[in-house]
Amino acid sequence: MSDHDVIIIGSGLGGLICGAMLAAMEGRKVLVLERNADIGGKIMSYGYLHDPDITEEEYKTSLAACGHSKIVYSDPDFSTIVEKHGLFKNYIVDTGWHQMSVGPRNRFAQIAQALGKKIPISPTVGFLYYEDGRFQQISAIAAGWPKESQAERRRVAWETSRISKEESHAYDHVDYDAFLKSLTTDQRVIDYYGLMGCYSAGLNDPRTVSAGEIIRVNNMNNMAGTHFQKGGGGGVVTGGFKHVANIFAEVITENGGEILTSSPVREILVEGNTAVGVRVRTEGGEKELRAPVIINNVPPRHLGRVLPDQYWPLDFRQRIESQFPLAGLLGFMGLREPIEKGDGKAGDFSIRRLPGTEELGVIGEASIFSFEQTSEADPTRAPEGKCLLNTWISLYPKNPFGPSEIDNDDLINTLIDRIYDFFRAQYPQWDDVYEWGYFTRAKDMYGMSISPGQLGDRRLPVVHPTLKNLFHTGDNVAQWGIATDGVGHGACLTVGAVTGKDYTHLLAPWGR
């Protein structure tokens, strides 16, 4: 006998969306089990709208749990940032720099709307590229090219836009650099789209970016009518990304479901060839919970702790072993005022080669560096008049061209120095407006990098290959799309597999 219809392992976004849909639309009694002290998985937020009294140690513990993140540098020391500058009482920071494909029209927002909820999203407006010592809107960069290159850019855009979703899968395991070079010999066009592909995927080198996935995401943005420069192509959740987790959790509890935190699953119970429940740790020890449906939201490479390898056929084990997540160096800075105040101030700023990184031996020959004045897009993130600035540099946990980058402390320290060097050189007022800053090494911000060999038919299925009644969801399984937007699509596929119904109908046609 079971007290629940569905047990979900993990309260990351995929698990919460699945639970909300099954509870509200199917009337299933849902139980979500979360090993950590709070829900949300990787999409946590910290600050006055969440828990202004969180301690420094609680924050560090949460970072380690949700993104395998660790503070690697702070100026001044982190205790001063918390106490003197009121990091958690005056600002709102996420675990990382969370952007969404298609901004307010992303897929998890569509699902929330279908469930009677609204996710507040602040669109970013502008995409500026660093060239000739200054930032310019990326369209202005192309406008200064020779006419032949401008025409070639339009031709490549037209050719790519004509590739259907079905046809795009032929390029899942073709890297974006090779794909662009198959379309054109114009290096300006190759570099232009290569940067955009790297930015969208969060990676540093177009040779490590899946062309198929970028084609689908770019075409989705176009069909959704969104635009990076004019706004809507990206966005931040107003008041912190954690609101997304809270909204789907509300749907679960409002429809009779239950969410238990600090409840790690020790084992998925299997009888014959069927998943029948879980063994979970409780305050009093351990107990078994049973349900006719088990949904796993734990990344497959960590699932071996609760489900032995014997339940994965060899091909699937090999796929899991080769998977690597998206990782990077994240910066959070508090300024007395914004450093960029003109066109695009609420957008994203990107540099193809951060000065001083050309000789560091990183993948891509130099580091792409991006930053965003997050509080210019979402004023709730910082006190009035001040600026919260987020930065990102991609670092590879598995380097196809050499050693791991994310574990290289010397490289990380050098990159931080180069970031500060750039800001001081670019903005004469930097030392006058800078108040505080810290950096985290995030080893697992997105469960799977958008790289050839990992996507399309190489993703793991939502239906477990050998066990009945066991399903998978999250950002590591069958879906398409980047980060949280892709998770929304995957959740629809998982719930569809559980119920036998097509739940992609909740999504706009261009997101199915």
Protein backbone atom coordinates (compact mmCIF):
# COMPACT_ATOMS: atom_id res chain seq x y z
CA MET A 1 0.00 0.00 0.00
CA SER A 2 1.17 3.54 -0.71
CA ASP A 3 0.18 6.92 0.65
CA HIS A 4 1.34 8.59 -2.58
CA ASP A 5 0.77 8.18 -6.30
CA VAL A 6 4.13 9.65 -7.27
CA ILE A 7 7.44 9.96 -5.45
CA ILE A 8 9.88 12.50 -6.89
CA ILE A 9 13.54 12.34 -5.93
CA GLY A 10 14.97 15.87 -5.84
CA SER A 11 13.35 19.31 -5.77
CA GLY A 12 15.29 20.83 -8.64
CA LEU A 13 13.25 22.65 -11.25
CA GLY A 14 12.52 19.51 -13.28
CA GLY A 15 11.16 17.63 -10.29
CA LEU A 16 9.04 20.55 -9.11
CA ILE A 17 7.52 21.16 -12.54
CA CYS A 18 6.67 17.46 -12.93
CA GLY A 19 5.16 17.39 -9.45
CA ALA A 20 3.10 20.52 -10.05
CA MET A 21 1.71 19.25 -13.36
CA LEU A 22 0.83 15.82 -11.99
CA ALA A 23 -0.75 17.25 -8.84
CA ALA A 24 -2.78 20.00 -10.49
CA MET A 25 -3.66 18.47 -13.85
CA GLU A 26 -3.84 14.76 -13.06
CA GLY A 27 -4.95 14.80 -9.43
CA ARG A 28 -2.00 12.66 -8.39
CA LYS A 29 -0.88 12.72 -4.76
CA VAL A 30 2.74 13.80 -5.03
CA LEU A 31 5.61 13.47 -2.57
CA VAL A 32 8.88 15.31 -3.28
CA LEU A 33 11.97 14.24 -1.32
CA GLU A 34 14.88 16.70 -1.12
CA ARG A 35 18.19 15.85 0.52
CA ASN A 36 19.12 19.51 1.20
CA ALA A 37 17.60 21.90 3.71
CA ASP A 38 15.80 23.91 1.02
CA ILE A 39 14.10 23.32 -2.31
CA GLY A 40 15.28 24.58 -5.67
CA GLY A 41 18.30 22.51 -6.66
CA LYS A 42 20.64 24.83 -8.57
CA ILE A 43 18.19 27.74 -8.75
CA MET A 44 18.65 29.32 -5.34
CA SER A 45 18.47 33.01 -4.45
CA TYR A 46 19.76 34.79 -1.39
CA GLY A 47 18.88 38.20 -0.01
CA TYR A 48 16.24 40.30 1.64
CA LEU A 49 13.26 38.82 -0.25
CA HIS A 50 14.36 35.29 0.63
CA ASP A 51 16.23 34.96 3.92
CA PRO A 52 17.90 38.23 4.99
CA ASP A 53 19.16 36.57 8.17
CA ILE A 54 21.04 33.74 6.45
CA THR A 55 24.51 33.36 7.95
CA GLU A 56 27.77 33.26 6.06
CA GLU A 57 28.22 29.57 6.83
CA GLU A 58 24.65 28.72 5.79
CA TYR A 59 25.23 30.52 2.51
CA LYS A 60 28.46 28.65 1.83
CA THR A 61 26.79 25.33 2.69
CA SER A 62 23.93 26.10 0.33
CA LEU A 63 26.31 27.04 -2.49
CA ALA A 64 28.17 23.77 -2.08
CA ALA A 65 24.94 21.79 -2.15
CA CYS A 66 23.19 23.39 -5.10
CA GLY A 67 25.94 24.02 -7.63
CA HIS A 68 29.07 22.46 -6.18
CA SER A 69 30.13 26.08 -5.77
CA LYS A 70 32.77 27.58 -3.51
CA ILE A 71 33.89 31.14 -2.80
CA VAL A 72 37.45 31.44 -4.13
CA TYR A 73 38.07 35.19 -3.72
CA SER A 74 36.53 38.22 -2.01
CA ASP A 75 37.46 41.87 -1.70
CA PRO A 76 37.06 42.91 1.06
CA ASP A 77 36.84 39.65 3.04
CA PHE A 78 33.48 37.96 2.71
CA SER A 79 32.45 38.62 6.34
CA THR A 80 32.79 42.35 5.69
CA ILE A 81 30.67 42.08 2.55
CA VAL A 82 27.94 40.37 4.58
CA GLU A 83 28.11 42.59 7.68
CA LYS A 84 29.22 46.04 6.51
CA HIS A 85 27.72 46.08 3.03
CA GLY A 86 24.64 44.03 3.93
CA LEU A 87 24.89 41.47 1.14
CA PHE A 88 21.81 39.56 2.28
CA LYS A 89 19.89 42.49 3.76
CA ASN A 90 20.30 44.88 0.81
CA TYR A 91 20.90 42.76 -2.29
CA ILE A 92 19.54 39.67 -4.03
CA VAL A 93 22.03 37.26 -5.58
CA ASP A 94 21.44 33.90 -7.24
CA THR A 95 23.75 30.90 -7.24
CA GLY A 96 24.99 32.11 -10.60
CA TRP A 97 24.19 34.22 -13.60
CA HIS A 98 20.82 32.79 -14.61
CA GLN A 99 19.59 33.84 -18.04
CA MET A 100 16.65 32.32 -19.85
CA SER A 101 16.24 31.67 -23.54
CA VAL A 102 13.26 33.61 -24.92
CA GLY A 103 13.09 35.73 -21.74
CA PRO A 104 9.48 36.18 -20.55
CA ARG A 105 8.26 33.72 -23.19
CA ASN A 106 10.36 30.82 -21.92
CA ARG A 107 8.83 27.40 -21.48
CA PHE A 108 8.67 27.14 -17.69
CA ALA A 109 6.80 30.48 -17.63
CA GLN A 110 4.30 29.03 -20.11
CA ILE A 111 3.78 25.98 -17.89
CA ALA A 112 3.30 28.17 -14.82
CA GLN A 113 0.66 30.17 -16.67
CA ALA A 114 -1.17 26.97 -17.59
CA LEU A 115 -1.19 26.15 -13.86
CA GLY A 116 -2.69 29.54 -13.00
CA LYS A 117 0.55 31.15 -11.82
CA LYS A 118 2.67 33.99 -13.17
CA ILE A 119 6.44 34.21 -12.96
CA PRO A 120 7.66 37.82 -12.91
CA ILE A 121 10.53 38.26 -15.36
CA SER A 122 12.60 41.34 -16.12
CA PRO A 123 13.84 41.21 -19.73
CA THR A 124 17.40 42.17 -20.48
CA VAL A 125 17.70 44.78 -23.23
CA GLY A 126 20.82 44.89 -25.36
CA PHE A 127 23.75 42.71 -26.36
CA LEU A 128 26.98 44.67 -26.59
CA TYR A 129 30.28 43.45 -27.99
CA TYR A 130 33.71 44.83 -27.18
CA GLU A 131 35.64 46.06 -30.19
CA ASP A 132 38.12 48.89 -30.75
CA GLY A 133 38.24 49.66 -27.05
CA ARG A 134 34.52 50.13 -26.47
CA PHE A 135 31.22 48.27 -26.28
CA GLN A 136 28.83 48.50 -29.20
CA GLN A 137 25.49 46.88 -29.91
CA ILE A 138 26.30 43.75 -31.87
CA SER A 139 24.19 44.91 -34.81
CA ALA A 140 26.34 48.05 -34.99
CA ILE A 141 29.45 45.87 -35.21
CA ALA A 142 28.08 44.11 -38.27
CA ALA A 143 26.89 47.39 -39.79
CA GLY A 144 30.52 48.52 -39.98
CA TRP A 145 31.61 45.52 -42.03
CA PRO A 146 32.22 45.58 -45.78
CA LYS A 147 29.01 45.13 -47.75
CA GLU A 148 30.09 41.65 -48.84
CA SER A 149 30.36 40.49 -45.21
CA GLN A 150 27.02 42.07 -44.31
CA ALA A 151 25.36 40.21 -47.16
CA GLU A 152 27.09 36.99 -46.13
CA ARG A 153 25.85 37.36 -42.54
CA ARG A 154 22.28 37.75 -43.79
CA ARG A 155 22.67 34.74 -46.07
CA VAL A 156 23.99 32.52 -43.25
CA ALA A 157 21.13 33.67 -41.00
CA TRP A 158 18.62 32.83 -43.76
CA GLU A 159 20.14 29.41 -44.42
CA THR A 160 20.15 28.55 -40.71
CA SER A 161 16.59 29.75 -40.13
CA ARG A 162 15.34 27.37 -42.82
CA ILE A 163 16.59 24.30 -40.93
CA SER A 164 13.63 22.64 -39.20
CA LYS A 165 13.79 21.19 -35.70
CA GLU A 166 13.81 17.68 -37.17
CA GLU A 167 16.56 18.54 -39.66
CA SER A 168 18.65 20.26 -36.96
CA HIS A 169 19.29 16.95 -35.21
CA ALA A 170 21.67 16.03 -38.03
CA TYR A 171 23.99 18.65 -36.48
CA ASP A 172 23.69 17.59 -32.82
CA HIS A 173 27.17 16.08 -32.85
CA VAL A 174 28.69 18.64 -35.22
CA ASP A 175 30.50 21.44 -33.44
CA TYR A 176 29.32 24.97 -34.15
CA ASP A 177 32.66 26.12 -35.55
CA ALA A 178 32.70 23.30 -38.13
CA PHE A 179 29.05 24.00 -38.98
CA LEU A 180 29.71 27.71 -39.62
CA LYS A 181 32.76 26.92 -41.74
CA SER A 182 30.63 24.60 -43.85
CA LEU A 183 28.36 27.56 -44.65
CA THR A 184 30.85 30.38 -45.22
CA THR A 185 34.51 31.29 -45.53
CA ASP A 186 33.96 34.83 -44.23
CA GLN A 187 35.87 34.93 -40.93
CA ARG A 188 33.90 37.93 -39.70
CA VAL A 189 30.68 35.98 -40.01
CA ILE A 190 32.23 32.88 -38.42
CA ASP A 191 33.51 34.88 -35.45
CA TYR A 192 30.22 36.78 -35.09
CA TYR A 193 28.01 33.72 -34.89
CA GLY A 194 30.66 31.74 -33.01
CA LEU A 195 30.58 34.28 -30.18
CA MET A 196 26.77 34.26 -30.09
CA GLY A 197 26.74 30.46 -29.96
CA CYS A 198 29.30 30.38 -27.14
CA TYR A 199 27.36 32.99 -25.20
CA SER A 200 24.08 31.07 -25.53
CA ALA A 201 25.71 27.78 -24.53
CA GLY A 202 27.85 29.27 -21.74
CA LEU A 203 30.99 27.79 -23.28
CA ASN A 204 34.29 29.34 -24.34
CA ASP A 205 34.99 27.74 -27.70
CA PRO A 206 32.59 27.10 -30.62
CA ARG A 207 34.41 23.80 -31.22
CA THR A 208 32.77 22.54 -28.00
CA VAL A 209 29.26 23.84 -28.80
CA SER A 210 26.60 21.65 -30.44
CA ALA A 211 25.47 23.20 -33.72
CA GLY A 212 22.14 21.37 -33.57
CA GLU A 213 21.18 22.79 -30.21
CA ILE A 214 22.18 26.34 -31.14
CA ILE A 215 20.19 26.12 -34.38
CA ARG A 216 17.07 25.08 -32.45
CA VAL A 217 17.48 27.73 -29.76
CA ASN A 218 18.18 30.54 -32.25
CA ASN A 219 15.20 29.58 -34.38
CA MET A 220 13.01 29.41 -31.26
CA ASN A 221 14.04 32.95 -30.34
CA ASN A 222 13.21 34.12 -33.84
CA MET A 223 9.81 32.40 -33.92
CA ALA A 224 8.98 33.71 -30.44
CA GLY A 225 9.59 37.25 -31.68
CA THR A 226 12.29 37.97 -29.11
CA HIS A 227 15.51 39.89 -29.67
CA PHE A 228 18.67 40.18 -27.59
CA GLN A 229 19.34 43.79 -28.55
CA LYS A 230 15.77 45.07 -28.38
CA GLY A 231 14.79 43.02 -25.33
CA GLY A 232 13.13 39.71 -24.53
CA GLY A 233 15.82 37.42 -25.88
CA GLY A 234 17.05 36.97 -22.32
CA GLY A 235 15.90 37.92 -18.86
CA VAL A 236 16.20 37.51 -15.11
CA VAL A 237 13.48 36.44 -12.68
CA THR A 238 12.38 39.56 -10.84
CA GLY A 239 13.44 39.33 -7.22
CA GLY A 240 15.54 36.21 -7.66
CA PHE A 241 15.36 32.94 -9.56
CA LYS A 242 14.27 31.04 -6.44
CA HIS A 243 10.78 32.45 -6.99
CA VAL A 244 10.39 29.93 -9.84
CA ALA A 245 10.98 26.99 -7.50
CA ASN A 246 8.64 28.48 -4.90
CA ILE A 247 5.82 28.94 -7.42
CA PHE A 248 5.85 25.33 -8.61
CA ALA A 249 6.19 24.13 -5.01
CA GLU A 250 3.06 26.12 -4.15
CA VAL A 251 1.13 24.30 -6.87
CA ILE A 252 2.18 20.95 -5.41
CA THR A 253 1.12 21.76 -1.84
CA GLU A 254 -2.06 23.57 -2.92
CA ASN A 255 -3.13 20.36 -4.65
CA GLY A 256 -2.53 18.03 -1.71
CA GLY A 257 1.11 17.19 -2.37
CA GLU A 258 3.95 17.19 0.12
CA ILE A 259 7.58 18.31 -0.03
CA LEU A 260 10.05 17.00 2.55
CA THR A 261 13.47 18.65 2.85
CA SER A 262 16.50 17.19 4.64
CA SER A 263 15.23 13.81 3.44
CA PRO A 264 17.94 12.14 1.35
CA VAL A 265 16.96 9.06 -0.63
CA ARG A 266 19.32 6.19 0.16
CA GLU A 267 18.04 3.66 -2.36
CA ILE A 268 15.49 3.21 -5.11
CA LEU A 269 13.64 0.03 -4.23
CA VAL A 270 13.45 -2.51 -7.05
CA GLU A 271 11.42 -5.70 -7.12
CA GLY A 272 11.83 -7.86 -10.18
CA ASN A 273 12.21 -5.33 -12.98
CA THR A 274 10.02 -2.68 -11.38
CA ALA A 275 10.81 0.38 -9.26
CA VAL A 276 8.39 0.23 -6.33
CA GLY A 277 9.57 2.91 -3.92
CA VAL A 278 12.52 4.45 -2.09
CA ARG A 279 14.39 4.11 1.15
CA VAL A 280 14.77 7.54 2.72
CA ARG A 281 16.71 8.77 5.74
CA THR A 282 14.60 10.34 8.47
CA GLU A 283 15.31 11.83 11.88
CA GLY A 284 14.60 8.48 13.45
CA GLY A 285 16.66 6.43 11.02
CA GLU A 286 15.42 5.14 7.67
CA LYS A 287 12.06 4.09 6.27
CA GLU A 288 10.64 2.73 3.06
CA LEU A 289 8.10 4.68 1.03
CA ARG A 290 6.26 3.11 -1.87
CA ALA A 291 4.47 4.50 -4.90
CA PRO A 292 3.44 3.22 -8.34
CA VAL A 293 5.49 5.97 -10.05
CA ILE A 294 9.04 7.09 -9.20
CA ILE A 295 10.46 10.19 -10.91
CA ASN A 296 14.17 10.80 -10.55
CA ASN A 297 15.53 14.35 -10.72
CA VAL A 298 19.08 13.41 -9.67
CA PRO A 299 21.67 13.81 -12.46
CA PRO A 300 22.47 10.33 -13.86
CA ARG A 301 26.19 10.62 -13.04
CA HIS A 302 25.24 10.93 -9.36
CA LEU A 303 22.44 8.36 -9.47
CA GLY A 304 24.80 5.47 -8.78
CA ARG A 305 24.52 6.32 -5.09
CA VAL A 306 20.91 5.10 -5.06
CA LEU A 307 20.60 2.94 -8.19
CA PRO A 308 23.35 0.40 -9.01
CA ASP A 309 24.99 0.37 -12.44
CA GLN A 310 23.47 -3.04 -13.12
CA TYR A 311 20.22 -1.30 -13.99
CA TRP A 312 21.88 0.70 -16.79
CA PRO A 313 22.81 -1.15 -20.01
CA LEU A 314 26.43 -0.70 -21.11
CA ASP A 315 25.66 1.96 -23.72
CA PHE A 316 23.88 4.08 -21.13
CA ARG A 317 26.70 3.68 -18.60
CA GLN A 318 29.17 4.84 -21.23
CA ARG A 319 27.03 7.89 -21.98
CA ILE A 320 26.81 8.78 -18.29
CA GLU A 321 30.57 8.43 -17.82
CA SER A 322 31.26 10.79 -20.73
CA GLN A 323 28.85 13.52 -19.59
CA PHE A 324 30.26 16.75 -18.25
CA PRO A 325 28.40 19.74 -16.80
CA LEU A 326 28.64 23.44 -17.47
CA ALA A 327 31.09 25.04 -15.07
CA GLY A 328 32.58 28.48 -14.65
CA LEU A 329 33.97 31.35 -12.63
CA LEU A 330 31.17 33.59 -11.39
CA GLY A 331 31.64 37.10 -10.08
CA PHE A 332 29.30 39.20 -7.92
CA MET A 333 30.15 42.89 -7.46
CA GLY A 334 28.51 45.80 -5.67
CA LEU A 335 29.03 49.28 -7.15
CA ARG A 336 28.00 52.72 -5.92
CA GLU A 337 26.55 53.34 -9.38
CA PRO A 338 26.43 51.59 -12.76
CA ILE A 339 29.57 51.77 -14.89
CA GLU A 340 27.60 51.59 -18.16
CA LYS A 341 24.79 54.14 -18.39
CA GLY A 342 24.05 54.42 -22.09
CA ASP A 343 22.32 52.28 -24.66
CA GLY A 344 22.19 48.68 -23.53
CA LYS A 345 22.86 49.36 -19.84
CA ALA A 346 20.24 46.72 -18.95
CA GLY A 347 21.71 44.23 -21.37
CA ASP A 348 24.65 41.87 -21.60
CA PHE A 349 28.23 42.87 -22.33
CA SER A 350 30.67 40.40 -23.86
CA ILE A 351 34.35 40.32 -24.84
CA ARG A 352 35.67 37.62 -27.16
CA ARG A 353 39.20 37.82 -25.74
CA LEU A 354 39.58 39.17 -22.23
CA PRO A 355 42.87 41.13 -22.34
CA GLY A 356 45.72 39.20 -20.74
CA THR A 357 44.18 35.74 -21.22
CA GLU A 358 45.66 35.02 -24.65
CA GLU A 359 48.67 33.17 -23.21
CA LEU A 360 46.92 31.22 -20.45
CA GLY A 361 46.33 28.08 -22.50
CA VAL A 362 42.54 28.09 -22.05
CA ILE A 363 40.27 26.39 -24.55
CA GLY A 364 39.46 28.93 -27.24
CA GLU A 365 42.91 30.55 -27.06
CA ALA A 366 41.59 33.35 -24.82
CA SER A 367 38.66 33.68 -22.40
CA ILE A 368 35.29 35.02 -23.42
CA PHE A 369 34.24 37.38 -20.63
CA SER A 370 30.66 38.51 -20.08
CA PHE A 371 29.07 40.78 -17.51
CA GLU A 372 25.66 42.15 -16.76
CA GLN A 373 24.44 45.02 -14.61
CA THR A 374 21.68 42.83 -13.22
CA SER A 375 20.07 45.56 -11.12
CA GLU A 376 19.64 47.73 -14.23
CA ALA A 377 17.33 45.03 -15.64
CA ASP A 378 15.79 44.14 -12.25
CA PRO A 379 15.96 47.06 -9.77
CA THR A 380 14.96 44.80 -6.86
CA ARG A 381 18.45 43.29 -6.89
CA ALA A 382 20.24 46.29 -5.31
CA PRO A 383 19.51 49.39 -3.21
CA GLU A 384 18.28 52.40 -5.17
CA GLY A 385 21.09 54.09 -7.05
CA LYS A 386 23.54 51.23 -6.55
CA CYS A 387 24.43 48.46 -8.96
CA LEU A 388 24.75 44.69 -8.68
CA LEU A 389 27.07 43.46 -11.42
CA ASN A 390 27.41 39.77 -12.35
CA THR A 391 30.26 38.30 -14.39
CA TRP A 392 30.90 34.94 -16.06
CA ILE A 393 33.89 33.09 -17.50
CA SER A 394 33.49 29.53 -18.75
CA LEU A 395 35.85 26.92 -17.33
CA TYR A 396 35.79 23.32 -18.53
CA PRO A 397 35.53 20.47 -16.00
CA LYS A 398 36.51 17.99 -18.72
CA ASN A 399 38.85 19.47 -21.27
CA PRO A 400 38.86 17.70 -24.66
CA PHE A 401 42.11 19.51 -25.47
CA GLY A 402 44.02 19.17 -22.20
CA PRO A 403 43.73 19.24 -18.39
CA SER A 404 40.65 20.36 -16.48
CA GLU A 405 40.30 24.14 -16.09
CA ILE A 406 37.77 24.33 -13.25
CA ASP A 407 40.23 22.71 -10.81
CA ASN A 408 43.17 24.92 -11.77
CA ASP A 409 43.57 27.35 -8.84
CA ASP A 410 46.39 29.31 -10.47
CA LEU A 411 44.31 29.82 -13.61
CA ILE A 412 41.32 30.99 -11.58
CA ASN A 413 43.39 33.49 -9.58
CA THR A 414 44.93 34.86 -12.77
CA LEU A 415 41.52 35.23 -14.42
CA ILE A 416 40.23 37.19 -11.43
CA ASP A 417 43.23 39.52 -11.69
CA ARG A 418 42.59 40.01 -15.40
CA ILE A 419 38.93 40.86 -14.75
CA TYR A 420 39.84 43.59 -12.28
CA ASP A 421 42.59 44.81 -14.62
CA PHE A 422 40.06 45.16 -17.42
CA PHE A 423 37.53 47.08 -15.34
CA ARG A 424 40.17 49.49 -14.05
CA ALA A 425 41.55 50.10 -17.55
CA GLN A 426 38.13 50.45 -19.18
CA TYR A 427 36.47 52.59 -16.51
CA PRO A 428 38.62 55.36 -14.96
CA GLN A 429 36.04 55.73 -12.17
CA TRP A 430 36.26 52.04 -11.22
CA ASP A 431 38.07 52.40 -7.88
CA ASP A 432 35.68 55.20 -6.88
CA VAL A 433 32.49 53.22 -7.58
CA TYR A 434 33.64 49.72 -6.57
CA GLU A 435 32.52 48.70 -3.07
CA TRP A 436 32.80 44.92 -2.86
CA GLY A 437 33.18 41.79 -4.94
CA TYR A 438 33.53 38.04 -4.62
CA PHE A 439 33.95 35.11 -6.99
CA THR A 440 32.72 31.52 -6.84
CA ARG A 441 33.99 28.44 -8.62
CA ALA A 442 30.83 26.72 -9.84
CA LYS A 443 31.46 23.15 -10.92
CA ASP A 444 27.90 22.19 -11.83
CA MET A 445 25.71 25.12 -12.80
CA TYR A 446 23.99 23.29 -15.67
CA GLY A 447 23.93 19.52 -15.46
CA MET A 448 25.13 18.97 -19.00
CA SER A 449 27.15 21.19 -21.31
CA ILE A 450 25.65 21.99 -24.72
CA SER A 451 28.35 19.98 -26.47
CA PRO A 452 28.52 17.46 -29.33
CA GLY A 453 28.26 13.87 -28.16
CA GLN A 454 25.93 14.72 -25.27
CA LEU A 455 22.72 15.91 -26.93
CA GLY A 456 19.97 14.65 -29.18
CA ASP A 457 20.01 10.86 -29.35
CA ARG A 458 22.84 10.75 -26.80
CA ARG A 459 20.68 12.18 -24.04
CA LEU A 460 19.20 9.67 -21.63
CA PRO A 461 15.50 8.83 -22.06
CA VAL A 462 12.78 9.98 -19.68
CA VAL A 463 11.62 6.35 -19.40
CA HIS A 464 14.22 4.18 -17.69
CA PRO A 465 15.55 1.59 -20.18
CA THR A 466 15.27 -1.50 -17.93
CA LEU A 467 13.03 -0.69 -14.97
CA LYS A 468 9.28 -0.21 -15.12
CA ASN A 469 7.68 2.73 -13.32
CA LEU A 470 10.98 4.67 -13.10
CA PHE A 471 11.17 7.95 -14.99
CA HIS A 472 13.81 10.67 -15.27
CA THR A 473 13.65 14.43 -15.61
CA GLY A 474 15.91 17.46 -15.26
CA ASP A 475 18.57 18.98 -17.48
CA ASN A 476 20.40 15.73 -18.28
CA VAL A 477 17.64 13.81 -20.07
CA ALA A 478 15.76 13.91 -23.38
CA GLN A 479 14.76 17.47 -24.24
CA TRP A 480 16.11 20.36 -26.24
CA GLY A 481 16.90 23.85 -25.12
CA ILE A 482 19.38 25.53 -22.84
CA ALA A 483 19.39 25.38 -19.03
CA THR A 484 16.08 26.05 -17.26
CA ASP A 485 14.13 26.60 -20.47
CA GLY A 486 15.13 23.13 -21.62
CA VAL A 487 14.13 21.70 -18.24
CA GLY A 488 10.57 22.92 -18.86
CA HIS A 489 10.45 21.00 -22.12
CA GLY A 490 11.89 17.90 -20.46
CA ALA A 491 9.30 18.01 -17.69
CA CYS A 492 6.51 17.97 -20.28
CA LEU A 493 8.08 14.89 -21.86
CA THR A 494 8.43 13.15 -18.49
CA VAL A 495 4.83 13.83 -17.43
CA GLY A 496 3.71 12.70 -20.87
CA ALA A 497 5.55 9.42 -20.41
CA VAL A 498 3.96 8.91 -16.98
CA THR A 499 0.41 9.65 -18.14
CA GLY A 500 0.46 8.60 -21.78
CA LYS A 501 -0.73 12.09 -22.76
CA ASP A 502 0.94 14.80 -24.83
CA TYR A 503 1.78 17.58 -22.39
CA THR A 504 3.88 19.54 -24.86
CA HIS A 505 0.57 21.13 -25.88
CA LEU A 506 1.10 23.48 -22.91
CA LEU A 507 4.00 25.01 -24.84
CA ALA A 508 3.87 27.39 -27.77
CA PRO A 509 4.38 25.59 -31.09
CA TRP A 510 7.92 26.91 -31.44
CA GLY A 511 8.88 25.40 -28.08
CA ARG A 512 7.60 21.85 -28.59
